[in-house]
Structures are given as C-alpha cells and as structure tokens.
Protein backbone atom coordinates (compact mmCIF):
# COMPACT_ATOMS: atom_id res chain seq x y z
CA MET A 1 3.95 -4.87 -4.10
CA ILE A 2 4.32 -8.20 -5.94
CA ASP A 3 7.07 -9.35 -3.59
CA THR A 4 5.02 -8.29 -0.56
CA ALA A 5 2.02 -10.33 -1.74
CA LEU A 6 4.19 -13.44 -2.14
CA LEU A 7 5.88 -12.89 1.23
CA LEU A 8 2.47 -12.54 2.90
CA LEU A 9 1.38 -15.74 1.18
CA ARG A 10 4.56 -17.52 2.34
CA ASP A 11 4.12 -16.39 5.94
CA GLU A 12 0.46 -17.42 6.07
CA LEU A 13 1.16 -20.81 4.46
CA THR A 14 4.07 -21.47 6.82
CA SER A 15 1.86 -20.67 9.81
CA PHE A 16 -0.84 -23.07 8.56
CA ILE A 17 1.46 -25.95 7.62
CA ASN A 18 3.51 -25.81 10.84
CA VAL A 19 0.39 -26.81 12.77
CA HIS A 20 0.32 -30.08 10.78
CA ASP A 21 4.02 -30.55 10.00
CA ALA A 22 6.57 -28.42 11.85
CA SER A 23 9.45 -29.61 9.63
CA ALA A 24 7.94 -28.14 6.42
CA ASN A 25 9.72 -25.11 4.97
CA VAL A 26 8.17 -22.63 2.51
CA VAL A 27 10.34 -20.36 0.33
CA VAL A 28 9.69 -17.76 -2.38
CA ASP A 29 12.11 -18.58 -5.19
CA ASN A 30 12.41 -19.51 -8.86
CA ILE A 31 11.65 -23.22 -9.31
CA GLY A 32 13.25 -22.94 -12.76
CA LEU A 33 16.65 -22.94 -11.02
CA LEU A 34 16.06 -26.39 -9.52
CA GLU A 35 18.39 -28.30 -11.84
CA THR A 36 21.11 -25.65 -11.84
CA SER A 37 24.04 -25.05 -9.50
CA ASP A 38 21.91 -22.44 -7.67
CA GLY A 39 19.11 -24.93 -6.98
CA ASP A 40 20.38 -26.32 -3.68
CA THR A 41 18.14 -23.99 -1.66
CA LEU A 42 15.05 -25.38 -3.43
CA VAL A 43 15.56 -29.01 -2.43
CA ASN A 44 13.16 -30.38 0.19
CA ASN A 45 11.09 -27.20 0.27
CA ILE A 46 7.68 -25.96 -0.77
CA VAL A 47 8.55 -23.34 -3.37
CA ILE A 48 6.32 -20.40 -4.36
CA THR A 49 7.18 -19.09 -7.85
CA LEU A 50 5.63 -16.32 -9.93
CA VAL A 51 5.19 -17.68 -13.46
CA ASN A 52 3.00 -15.07 -15.19
CA ILE A 53 1.47 -11.61 -14.81
CA GLU A 54 -1.78 -10.48 -16.44
CA GLU A 55 -3.49 -7.10 -16.39
CA GLU A 56 -7.09 -7.19 -15.18
CA SER A 57 -8.84 -5.80 -18.26
CA THR A 58 -12.18 -5.12 -16.54
CA LEU A 59 -10.56 -2.41 -14.35
CA LYS A 60 -8.47 -0.84 -17.10
CA ASN A 61 -10.56 2.25 -17.92
CA GLN A 62 -10.74 4.08 -14.61
CA SER A 63 -10.93 7.80 -14.14
CA ALA A 64 -7.76 9.74 -13.40
CA LEU A 65 -9.67 12.17 -11.16
CA LYS A 66 -9.51 11.91 -7.36
CA ARG A 67 -11.05 14.21 -4.76
CA PRO A 68 -8.96 13.91 -1.61
CA PHE A 69 -9.95 17.32 -0.19
CA LEU A 70 -13.12 19.40 -0.25
CA SER A 71 -11.41 22.31 -2.01
CA SER A 72 -9.41 20.62 -4.77
CA ALA A 73 -9.26 17.66 -7.12
CA ILE A 74 -6.16 15.70 -8.13
CA TYR A 75 -5.54 14.15 -11.52
CA GLN A 76 -3.45 11.03 -11.10
CA LYS A 77 -2.94 7.96 -13.27
CA PRO A 78 -5.19 5.18 -11.95
CA PRO A 79 -3.51 2.08 -10.54
CA ILE A 80 -2.85 -0.93 -12.73
CA TYR A 81 -4.54 -4.07 -11.40
CA LEU A 82 -2.70 -7.33 -11.90
CA ASN A 83 -3.49 -11.01 -11.68
CA LEU A 84 -0.47 -13.10 -10.74
CA TYR A 85 -0.13 -16.76 -11.65
CA VAL A 86 1.63 -18.43 -8.74
CA LEU A 87 3.06 -21.94 -8.78
CA PHE A 88 3.29 -23.94 -5.55
CA THR A 89 5.73 -26.81 -5.97
CA CYS A 90 6.56 -29.48 -3.43
CA ASN A 91 10.13 -30.31 -4.25
CA TYR A 92 10.76 -33.69 -2.63
CA SER A 93 11.98 -36.69 -4.60
CA GLY A 94 12.90 -40.32 -4.24
CA THR A 95 11.56 -41.83 -1.04
CA ASP A 96 10.05 -38.45 -0.09
CA TYR A 97 7.59 -38.39 -3.01
CA ARG A 98 4.67 -39.31 -0.71
CA LEU A 99 5.76 -36.47 1.59
CA ALA A 100 5.56 -34.11 -1.40
CA LEU A 101 2.00 -35.23 -2.10
CA ARG A 102 1.03 -34.81 1.57
CA ARG A 103 2.45 -31.30 1.70
CA LEU A 104 0.75 -30.40 -1.59
CA SER A 105 -2.50 -31.48 0.08
CA TYR A 106 -1.71 -29.05 2.91
CA VAL A 107 -1.25 -26.23 0.38
CA ILE A 108 -4.65 -27.00 -1.17
CA GLN A 109 -6.28 -27.24 2.28
CA PHE A 110 -4.71 -23.91 3.22
CA VAL A 111 -6.21 -22.08 0.24
CA GLN A 112 -9.54 -23.87 0.63
CA SER A 113 -9.76 -22.72 4.25
CA LYS A 114 -8.66 -19.14 3.55
CA ASN A 115 -8.71 -17.80 0.00
CA SER A 116 -8.81 -14.07 0.84
CA PHE A 117 -5.70 -12.35 2.20
CA SER A 118 -4.76 -8.91 3.49
CA VAL A 119 -1.99 -7.39 5.56
CA ALA A 120 -4.60 -6.17 8.06
CA SER A 121 -5.89 -9.70 8.75
CA SER A 122 -2.50 -11.42 8.59
CA VAL A 123 -1.53 -13.58 11.54
CA THR A 124 2.14 -13.07 10.70
CA GLY A 125 3.66 -10.19 8.76
CA GLY A 126 7.07 -10.04 10.42
CA SER A 127 8.83 -9.99 7.05
CA ILE A 128 6.61 -7.27 5.56
CA ASP A 129 7.71 -3.63 5.58
CA LEU A 130 4.63 -1.70 6.72
CA THR A 131 6.28 1.69 6.08
CA GLN A 132 5.82 1.42 2.31
CA PRO A 133 2.76 3.18 0.85
CA ASP A 134 -0.24 0.97 -0.02
CA ILE A 135 1.11 -2.05 1.91
CA THR A 136 -1.50 -1.76 4.64
CA GLU A 137 -4.24 -1.77 1.96
CA LEU A 138 -2.90 -4.88 0.20
CA LYS A 139 -5.72 -7.40 -0.41
CA PHE A 140 -5.99 -10.32 -2.80
CA THR A 141 -7.75 -13.63 -3.35
CA LEU A 142 -6.52 -17.00 -4.59
CA GLU A 143 -8.34 -19.38 -6.88
CA LEU A 144 -7.11 -22.72 -8.24
CA TYR A 145 -6.06 -22.44 -11.87
CA SER A 146 -6.26 -25.76 -13.75
CA LEU A 147 -3.94 -26.44 -16.67
CA SER A 148 -4.42 -28.84 -19.57
CA PHE A 149 -1.79 -31.54 -20.15
CA GLU A 150 -0.44 -29.52 -23.06
CA GLN A 151 -0.15 -26.38 -20.89
CA ILE A 152 1.59 -28.39 -18.17
CA ASN A 153 4.08 -29.66 -20.72
CA HIS A 154 4.80 -26.11 -21.93
CA LEU A 155 5.05 -24.81 -18.36
CA TRP A 156 7.64 -27.31 -17.21
CA GLY A 157 9.44 -27.08 -20.55
CA SER A 158 9.81 -23.32 -20.09
CA LEU A 159 10.93 -23.81 -16.48
CA GLY A 160 13.66 -26.14 -17.77
CA GLY A 161 13.07 -28.95 -15.34
CA ARG A 162 11.29 -32.15 -14.61
CA GLN A 163 7.79 -31.94 -13.23
CA VAL A 164 7.30 -32.17 -9.47
CA PRO A 165 3.97 -32.18 -7.56
CA PHE A 166 2.46 -28.72 -7.99
CA ALA A 167 -0.66 -26.58 -7.94
CA MET A 168 -1.13 -23.28 -9.75
CA TYR A 169 -3.25 -20.48 -8.36
CA LYS A 170 -4.45 -17.22 -9.79
CA LEU A 171 -3.74 -14.44 -7.31
CA ARG A 172 -6.28 -11.74 -8.12
CA LEU A 173 -5.97 -8.00 -8.05
CA ILE A 174 -2.72 -6.54 -6.92
CA ALA A 175 -2.89 -2.75 -7.39
CA ILE A 176 0.31 -0.99 -8.42
CA THR A 177 0.58 2.78 -8.64
CA GLY A 178 3.34 5.38 -8.69
CA HIS A 179 1.23 8.06 -6.91
CA LYS A 180 2.47 10.68 -9.39
CA VAL A 181 0.18 13.71 -9.38
CA LEU A 182 -0.44 15.00 -12.91
CA ARG A 183 -2.13 18.19 -11.72
CA GLU A 184 -4.20 19.63 -8.91
CA VAL A 185 -7.14 21.90 -9.65
CA PRO A 186 -9.79 23.67 -7.56
CA LEU A 187 -13.28 22.21 -7.56
CA ILE A 188 -16.09 23.97 -9.43
CA GLU A 189 -18.34 25.31 -6.69
CA GLU A 190 -20.79 27.46 -8.65
CA ILE A 191 -21.76 28.22 -12.23
CA GLU A 192 -22.43 31.76 -13.39
CA ASN A 193 -24.73 32.32 -16.32
CA ASN A 194 -24.12 35.70 -18.00
CA ALA A 195 -26.22 34.97 -21.06
CA ILE A 196 -28.40 37.86 -22.23
CA PRO A 197 -31.99 36.76 -22.78
CA ILE A 198 -33.39 37.37 -26.27
CA SER A 199 -36.52 39.52 -26.16
C-alpha cells in the first residue's frame, strides 16, 4: 500500500509537471543513494523518497468487530493508519540549480492545487495494480511539513549527502490491514428472560 501511494503520487505529479515542462522526470527512489555508485539514476530527476513512518494515534483504538452480513459478525484486527513523511528533492546541480528551484516550485504548485488523492479520482494509474485488495479505496492527503534548521541538518546528515532543493510533505492516513478474520459469530437477535419473579 505504501508503494502504491507513492506511485500514485509520482504519476499525478508527472502529469501536472509535463504540462509546464515536458522534459521533467519524476522517480520514486532513495535520495540517500545520490552520492553512491547506485546514484546515477537520481541525477537530473525529481526524486520522491519516504523518510519516516508514523502511526496515527487518534485512530489507534478502533473496534475489532465488523458486521458485513445481516446474520453474522466478524472479529478482525482493525487497520493500522499511517502518516508517511515524503521528501521531494529536485536533484539538479551546477548550471541547472535555477532549474531545480523552478521544478521545486512546480511540486509546491501541484500540491497546492490538489492536496487530496485517491485511485478513483486519479488521471493516470497505469502503473498501479488494481487487482490488489484495498487499492481502489486508497485515499490520502498531503500537507507541507516544515523543518527547523537543526532538523534539516539531521535529515541530510542521515541521508548521507549534501542538501539539494527539497520540500517535505506529510502524507496522511494510509490504511494497512491483513484482512485476517479472528472469528465469525452469529448476531444476537433476541434476548430471553427466564428469571422467576419473586412474590
């Protein structure tokens, strides 16, 4: 589900940016590999990288009971809801630094114009496997997540590279579940009271 959310984001961003700049390329990859021998594919690209995962604590205590049919109830572990911290980096250097800033502006314009995403409303979706369960119900929102200078320093230090133009967004509420049924029980339809009244 996490990979599907990022692929949906990539496809939507590519569609938006190509209207303004057809030569821009968006990839989902690890920006931490930029200064390694595997970093060639990251050069001159807009790179989407997952940098952190957080459980949404407000939705943690949900009921395990579901009623899919009129005659029975299913006990199933509730889904875990996640917030993903996603880094958009514009990896252009040297004489292309201004191009990096322009394309970063396109990323920010993209999210400002459409901050709610779903597979159902996607204009693309060619790279998304719609046969997987829950994919068609995938929905999330994006909000800009501002970092302090100290947090930026720690972020790029942990990624092992030099800072490039970037924006971080909080991708809210990805639901992940295994659909494992714990038990199925019939519904209580009536209550009998066999108590003997005291006279």
